[in-house]
Amino acid sequence: MTDCSLLTPRELAAETGWPEKRIRKLIATQSIRHLKNGANYLLPQNAIQDYIARNMVEPSLGEATDDE
């Protein structure tokens, strides 16, 4: 069985350095993995890394155009 540590938004903010308000906004917009248990929200320890991986914009490999 894999370890599935769940953290509160405050704990995740302290661990990752992200503002708690930003984490709560991501929860509200359902942009980040979370579990609602009654009135409490719990997030997996790797929720921020998953969010970043899903939303990372890779540079375009197409030819650059000169606008001059």
N, C-alpha and C. Protein backbone atom coordinates (compact mmCIF):
# COMPACT_ATOMS: atom_id res chain seq x y z
N MET A 1 0.85 -1.17 0.00
CA MET A 1 0.00 0.00 0.00
C MET A 1 0.89 1.24 0.00
N THR A 2 0.52 2.25 -0.77
CA THR A 2 1.31 3.46 -0.84
C THR A 2 0.95 4.41 0.30
N ASP A 3 1.93 5.22 0.68
CA ASP A 3 1.71 6.22 1.72
C ASP A 3 0.86 7.35 1.15
N CYS A 4 -0.24 7.67 1.80
CA CYS A 4 -1.12 8.73 1.32
C CYS A 4 -1.33 9.73 2.45
N SER A 5 -0.29 10.53 2.70
CA SER A 5 -0.39 11.54 3.74
C SER A 5 -1.27 12.67 3.26
N LEU A 6 -2.25 13.03 4.07
CA LEU A 6 -3.15 14.13 3.73
C LEU A 6 -2.87 15.29 4.68
N LEU A 7 -2.84 16.49 4.09
CA LEU A 7 -2.54 17.69 4.86
C LEU A 7 -3.67 18.69 4.74
N THR A 8 -3.80 19.53 5.73
CA THR A 8 -4.75 20.64 5.65
C THR A 8 -4.13 21.70 4.73
N PRO A 9 -4.94 22.62 4.23
CA PRO A 9 -4.37 23.70 3.42
C PRO A 9 -3.27 24.47 4.16
N ARG A 10 -3.44 24.70 5.44
CA ARG A 10 -2.42 25.42 6.23
C ARG A 10 -1.12 24.61 6.30
N GLU A 11 -1.23 23.31 6.54
CA GLU A 11 -0.04 22.46 6.61
C GLU A 11 0.68 22.40 5.26
N LEU A 12 -0.11 22.29 4.17
CA LEU A 12 0.50 22.24 2.84
C LEU A 12 1.19 23.56 2.52
N ALA A 13 0.57 24.66 2.91
CA ALA A 13 1.17 25.98 2.69
C ALA A 13 2.50 26.09 3.44
N ALA A 14 2.53 25.64 4.68
CA ALA A 14 3.76 25.71 5.47
C ALA A 14 4.85 24.82 4.86
N GLU A 15 4.45 23.68 4.34
CA GLU A 15 5.42 22.73 3.78
C GLU A 15 5.97 23.19 2.43
N THR A 16 5.12 23.82 1.61
CA THR A 16 5.53 24.17 0.25
C THR A 16 5.98 25.62 0.09
N GLY A 17 5.58 26.48 1.00
CA GLY A 17 5.90 27.89 0.87
C GLY A 17 4.88 28.65 0.04
N TRP A 18 3.87 27.98 -0.45
CA TRP A 18 2.80 28.65 -1.20
C TRP A 18 1.86 29.30 -0.19
N PRO A 19 1.28 30.44 -0.52
CA PRO A 19 0.32 31.08 0.40
C PRO A 19 -0.93 30.20 0.58
N GLU A 20 -1.39 30.12 1.82
CA GLU A 20 -2.59 29.33 2.11
C GLU A 20 -3.78 29.84 1.30
N LYS A 21 -3.87 31.15 1.13
CA LYS A 21 -4.98 31.74 0.37
C LYS A 21 -5.00 31.22 -1.07
N ARG A 22 -3.82 31.09 -1.70
CA ARG A 22 -3.74 30.58 -3.06
C ARG A 22 -4.18 29.11 -3.11
N ILE A 23 -3.76 28.33 -2.12
CA ILE A 23 -4.16 26.92 -2.08
C ILE A 23 -5.67 26.81 -1.92
N ARG A 24 -6.25 27.63 -1.06
CA ARG A 24 -7.71 27.59 -0.87
C ARG A 24 -8.45 28.03 -2.15
N LYS A 25 -7.88 28.96 -2.89
CA LYS A 25 -8.50 29.37 -4.15
C LYS A 25 -8.45 28.22 -5.16
N LEU A 26 -7.34 27.51 -5.21
CA LEU A 26 -7.23 26.35 -6.10
C LEU A 26 -8.24 25.27 -5.73
N ILE A 27 -8.48 25.10 -4.44
CA ILE A 27 -9.50 24.16 -3.98
C ILE A 27 -10.88 24.62 -4.44
N ALA A 28 -11.17 25.91 -4.25
CA ALA A 28 -12.49 26.46 -4.59
C ALA A 28 -12.78 26.33 -6.08
N THR A 29 -11.74 26.44 -6.91
CA THR A 29 -11.95 26.33 -8.36
C THR A 29 -11.74 24.90 -8.86
N GLN A 30 -11.55 23.98 -7.91
CA GLN A 30 -11.32 22.56 -8.21
C GLN A 30 -10.16 22.37 -9.18
N SER A 31 -9.12 23.16 -8.99
CA SER A 31 -7.93 23.09 -9.83
C SER A 31 -6.84 22.20 -9.24
N ILE A 32 -7.03 21.79 -7.99
CA ILE A 32 -6.01 21.00 -7.30
C ILE A 32 -6.70 19.80 -6.65
N ARG A 33 -5.98 18.70 -6.58
CA ARG A 33 -6.54 17.49 -5.97
C ARG A 33 -6.79 17.72 -4.49
N HIS A 34 -7.96 17.34 -4.03
CA HIS A 34 -8.29 17.49 -2.62
C HIS A 34 -9.42 16.54 -2.25
N LEU A 35 -9.60 16.38 -0.96
CA LEU A 35 -10.67 15.56 -0.41
C LEU A 35 -11.45 16.42 0.56
N LYS A 36 -12.76 16.43 0.42
CA LYS A 36 -13.59 17.17 1.37
C LYS A 36 -14.15 16.14 2.35
N ASN A 37 -13.82 16.33 3.61
CA ASN A 37 -14.28 15.44 4.66
C ASN A 37 -15.09 16.28 5.64
N GLY A 38 -16.40 16.28 5.46
CA GLY A 38 -17.25 17.15 6.26
C GLY A 38 -16.98 18.59 5.87
N ALA A 39 -16.58 19.41 6.83
CA ALA A 39 -16.26 20.81 6.54
C ALA A 39 -14.77 21.01 6.31
N ASN A 40 -13.99 19.93 6.38
CA ASN A 40 -12.53 20.02 6.25
C ASN A 40 -12.07 19.64 4.86
N TYR A 41 -11.03 20.30 4.40
CA TYR A 41 -10.40 19.97 3.14
C TYR A 41 -9.02 19.38 3.44
N LEU A 42 -8.72 18.27 2.77
CA LEU A 42 -7.43 17.62 2.93
C LEU A 42 -6.81 17.44 1.56
N LEU A 43 -5.51 17.62 1.49
CA LEU A 43 -4.80 17.53 0.22
C LEU A 43 -3.66 16.53 0.33
N PRO A 44 -3.40 15.78 -0.75
CA PRO A 44 -2.23 14.90 -0.72
C PRO A 44 -0.96 15.74 -0.67
N GLN A 45 0.09 15.17 -0.13
CA GLN A 45 1.35 15.89 0.03
C GLN A 45 1.91 16.37 -1.30
N ASN A 46 1.62 15.67 -2.39
CA ASN A 46 2.16 16.02 -3.70
C ASN A 46 1.17 16.81 -4.56
N ALA A 47 0.15 17.41 -3.95
CA ALA A 47 -0.88 18.12 -4.70
C ALA A 47 -0.31 19.29 -5.50
N ILE A 48 0.62 20.04 -4.93
CA ILE A 48 1.21 21.19 -5.62
C ILE A 48 2.04 20.71 -6.81
N GLN A 49 2.84 19.65 -6.61
CA GLN A 49 3.65 19.13 -7.71
C GLN A 49 2.77 18.64 -8.85
N ASP A 50 1.66 17.97 -8.53
CA ASP A 50 0.72 17.52 -9.56
C ASP A 50 0.11 18.69 -10.31
N TYR A 51 -0.28 19.73 -9.57
CA TYR A 51 -0.86 20.93 -10.18
C TYR A 51 0.13 21.57 -11.15
N ILE A 52 1.37 21.71 -10.71
CA ILE A 52 2.39 22.32 -11.56
C ILE A 52 2.62 21.47 -12.81
N ALA A 53 2.72 20.17 -12.65
CA ALA A 53 2.95 19.28 -13.80
C ALA A 53 1.82 19.38 -14.82
N ARG A 54 0.58 19.46 -14.35
CA ARG A 54 -0.58 19.53 -15.26
C ARG A 54 -0.69 20.88 -15.97
N ASN A 55 -0.17 21.92 -15.35
CA ASN A 55 -0.35 23.27 -15.90
C ASN A 55 0.92 23.88 -16.48
N MET A 56 1.98 23.12 -16.51
CA MET A 56 3.26 23.64 -17.04
C MET A 56 3.12 23.87 -18.54
N VAL A 57 3.53 25.03 -18.98
CA VAL A 57 3.51 25.37 -20.40
C VAL A 57 4.90 25.13 -20.94
N GLU A 58 4.98 24.27 -21.92
CA GLU A 58 6.27 23.97 -22.54
C GLU A 58 6.54 24.97 -23.66
N PRO A 59 7.80 25.31 -23.87
CA PRO A 59 8.10 26.25 -24.94
C PRO A 59 7.79 25.66 -26.30
N SER A 60 7.41 26.52 -27.21
CA SER A 60 7.09 26.11 -28.57
C SER A 60 8.38 25.74 -29.29
N LEU A 61 8.33 24.65 -30.03
CA LEU A 61 9.51 24.23 -30.78
C LEU A 61 9.44 24.67 -32.24
N GLY A 62 8.40 25.43 -32.57
CA GLY A 62 8.22 25.94 -33.93
C GLY A 62 9.26 27.01 -34.24
N GLU A 63 9.31 27.42 -35.49
CA GLU A 63 10.26 28.44 -35.89
C GLU A 63 9.86 29.79 -35.32
N ALA A 64 10.85 30.53 -34.89
CA ALA A 64 10.61 31.89 -34.40
C ALA A 64 10.37 32.81 -35.58
N THR A 65 9.50 33.77 -35.39
CA THR A 65 9.23 34.74 -36.46
C THR A 65 9.78 36.09 -36.08
N ASP A 66 10.34 36.77 -37.05
CA ASP A 66 10.83 38.13 -36.84
C ASP A 66 9.74 39.10 -37.19
N ASP A 67 9.44 40.01 -36.28
CA ASP A 67 8.38 41.00 -36.54
C ASP A 67 8.97 42.30 -37.03
N GLU A 68 10.21 42.29 -37.46
CA GLU A 68 10.85 43.52 -37.93
C GLU A 68 10.64 43.72 -39.39
